[in-house]
Amino acid sequence: MVINSYTEGNPATLNYVFDSTNVHSAKYDPITESLTIIFSSGRRYHYNNIDTDLLTNFIGSKSTGKAFHSLFKNKKHTRLSDIKLI
């Protein structure tokens, strides 16, 4: 479940923070239709070709972890460098 959302930059990137033990946050670029998901462990994964319908299903879900597994688990992705979450 989304607990905070905000935009940054021009054109705007959409940012979401989740109330989830698994998924910390996500950043969506509507121009490139790309999504970066940051997990509570600090691992980051980048996904391309994510349309707004898929994003809406993800951020609107009651269980972010379950939604991730059903919507993204088998999608092609790139693992980015891990980050340290505060």
Protein backbone atom coordinates (compact mmCIF):
# COMPACT_ATOMS: atom_id res chain seq x y z
CA MET A 1 0.00 0.00 0.00
CA VAL A 2 1.32 3.45 -0.93
CA ILE A 3 1.92 5.65 2.12
CA ASN A 4 3.51 8.58 0.29
CA SER A 5 3.83 9.75 -3.30
CA TYR A 6 5.54 12.73 -4.87
CA THR A 7 6.93 13.97 -8.16
CA GLU A 8 10.37 15.33 -8.94
CA GLY A 9 12.15 16.75 -11.96
CA ASN A 10 10.93 18.08 -15.25
CA PRO A 11 9.43 16.09 -16.85
CA ALA A 12 8.10 14.66 -13.63
CA THR A 13 9.21 11.30 -12.28
CA LEU A 14 6.59 9.66 -10.05
CA ASN A 15 7.84 8.36 -6.72
CA TYR A 16 6.03 6.02 -4.35
CA VAL A 17 6.86 4.89 -0.81
CA PHE A 18 5.14 1.72 0.42
CA ASP A 19 3.99 0.32 3.74
CA SER A 20 5.51 -3.08 3.03
CA THR A 21 8.04 -5.36 4.67
CA ASN A 22 9.37 -6.31 1.23
CA VAL A 23 9.13 -3.29 -1.09
CA HIS A 24 10.42 0.05 0.14
CA SER A 25 9.73 2.35 -2.80
CA ALA A 26 9.41 2.74 -6.55
CA LYS A 27 10.26 5.41 -9.11
CA TYR A 28 8.37 5.59 -12.42
CA ASP A 29 9.34 7.58 -15.51
CA PRO A 30 6.22 8.01 -17.67
CA ILE A 31 8.24 9.24 -20.66
CA THR A 32 10.39 6.09 -20.92
CA GLU A 33 7.81 3.82 -19.21
CA SER A 34 10.51 2.53 -16.89
CA LEU A 35 10.19 1.55 -13.25
CA THR A 36 12.85 1.14 -10.57
CA ILE A 37 11.80 -0.83 -7.51
CA ILE A 38 13.78 -0.52 -4.28
CA PHE A 39 13.39 -3.35 -1.79
CA SER A 40 13.66 -3.06 1.98
CA SER A 41 17.03 -4.80 1.76
CA GLY A 42 18.36 -1.97 -0.44
CA ARG A 43 18.37 -4.03 -3.63
CA ARG A 44 17.23 -2.14 -6.72
CA TYR A 45 15.78 -3.52 -9.93
CA HIS A 46 14.94 -1.66 -13.12
CA TYR A 47 12.11 -2.64 -15.47
CA ASN A 48 11.35 -1.29 -18.96
CA ASN A 49 8.09 -1.27 -20.92
CA ILE A 50 5.88 -0.71 -17.88
CA ASP A 51 2.66 0.93 -19.01
CA THR A 52 0.48 3.02 -16.73
CA ASP A 53 -2.12 0.25 -16.36
CA LEU A 54 0.50 -2.10 -14.93
CA LEU A 55 1.81 0.66 -12.66
CA THR A 56 -1.72 1.44 -11.46
CA ASN A 57 -2.32 -2.23 -10.60
CA PHE A 58 0.94 -2.31 -8.65
CA ILE A 59 0.55 0.88 -6.63
CA GLY A 60 -3.16 0.30 -6.04
CA SER A 61 -2.75 -3.15 -4.56
CA LYS A 62 -3.45 -3.93 -0.91
CA SER A 63 -0.35 -6.12 -0.70
CA THR A 64 2.67 -4.61 -2.43
CA GLY A 65 4.76 -7.78 -2.06
CA LYS A 66 2.08 -10.02 -3.55
CA ALA A 67 1.50 -7.54 -6.37
CA PHE A 68 5.22 -7.46 -7.13
CA HIS A 69 5.37 -11.25 -7.35
CA SER A 70 2.33 -11.52 -9.61
CA LEU A 71 3.13 -8.54 -11.87
CA PHE A 72 6.94 -8.30 -12.05
CA LYS A 73 8.62 -11.45 -10.76
CA ASN A 74 9.02 -12.98 -14.23
CA LYS A 75 9.55 -9.74 -16.19
CA LYS A 76 12.94 -9.03 -17.70
CA HIS A 77 14.86 -6.67 -15.43
CA THR A 78 18.27 -5.23 -14.67
CA ARG A 79 19.71 -5.34 -11.18
CA LEU A 80 21.18 -2.00 -10.19
CA SER A 81 23.68 -1.36 -7.44
CA ASP A 82 22.32 -1.78 -3.94
CA ILE A 83 21.72 1.27 -1.77
CA LYS A 84 21.74 1.72 1.97
CA LEU A 85 18.36 2.75 3.32
CA ILE A 86 18.21 4.93 6.39
